[in-house]
Amino acid sequence: MATHAELAARLLRDAAFFFRTVAEQNPVLKDQMEENATVFEQVANMVEVDPLGHLPDGE
């Protein structure tokens, strides 16, 4: 059975895949969609590695 953190990470990675798919199909949006995908993957990694971690002040 998956934990909430594992599910959240999977959903974030699925969103990253979606953004990359949009980027491939729409050159005008490519840079923004790639950036979105990267952020979603970074958050997925944070949730997996340290699900109760805190962001630095100001984030």
Protein backbone atom coordinates (compact mmCIF):
# COMPACT_ATOMS: atom_id res chain seq x y z
CA MET A 1 0.00 0.00 0.00
CA ALA A 2 1.38 3.40 -0.98
CA THR A 3 1.86 6.21 1.51
CA HIS A 4 0.43 9.68 0.99
CA ALA A 5 3.94 10.92 0.17
CA GLU A 6 4.43 8.21 -2.46
CA LEU A 7 1.09 9.06 -4.03
CA ALA A 8 1.93 12.77 -4.03
CA ALA A 9 5.29 12.10 -5.66
CA ARG A 10 3.66 9.95 -8.33
CA LEU A 11 1.07 12.64 -9.08
CA LEU A 12 3.78 15.29 -9.30
CA ARG A 13 5.78 13.14 -11.72
CA ASP A 14 2.65 12.52 -13.81
CA ALA A 15 2.13 16.28 -13.99
CA ALA A 16 5.76 16.72 -15.07
CA PHE A 17 5.18 14.17 -17.84
CA PHE A 18 2.08 16.12 -18.92
CA PHE A 19 4.04 19.38 -19.06
CA ARG A 20 6.75 17.72 -21.16
CA THR A 21 4.12 16.35 -23.53
CA VAL A 22 2.63 19.83 -23.96
CA ALA A 23 6.16 21.20 -24.52
CA GLU A 24 6.77 18.71 -27.33
CA GLN A 25 3.52 19.62 -29.04
CA ASN A 26 3.67 23.39 -28.65
CA PRO A 27 7.00 25.13 -29.34
CA VAL A 28 5.62 28.47 -28.15
CA LEU A 29 5.08 27.05 -24.65
CA LYS A 30 8.11 24.74 -24.59
CA ASP A 31 10.36 26.72 -22.26
CA GLN A 32 7.62 27.38 -19.70
CA MET A 33 6.36 23.79 -19.79
CA GLU A 34 9.88 22.40 -19.36
CA GLU A 35 10.41 24.70 -16.39
CA ASN A 36 7.12 23.57 -14.85
CA ALA A 37 8.09 19.92 -15.35
CA THR A 38 11.44 20.46 -13.66
CA VAL A 39 9.83 22.13 -10.63
CA PHE A 40 7.26 19.35 -10.26
CA GLU A 41 10.02 16.71 -10.42
CA GLN A 42 12.08 18.58 -7.81
CA VAL A 43 9.11 18.71 -5.44
CA ALA A 44 8.41 15.01 -6.05
CA ASN A 45 11.99 14.26 -5.01
CA MET A 46 11.66 16.41 -1.87
CA VAL A 47 8.42 14.66 -0.89
CA GLU A 48 10.01 11.24 -1.33
CA VAL A 49 13.29 12.01 0.42
CA ASP A 50 11.92 14.10 3.31
CA PRO A 51 8.12 14.14 3.38
CA LEU A 52 7.99 16.27 6.54
CA GLY A 53 10.81 18.60 5.57
CA HIS A 54 10.51 22.36 5.68
CA LEU A 55 11.27 24.91 3.01
CA PRO A 56 13.84 27.56 3.88
CA ASP A 57 12.39 30.86 5.11
CA GLY A 58 11.17 33.05 2.27
CA GLU A 59 10.22 30.17 -0.04
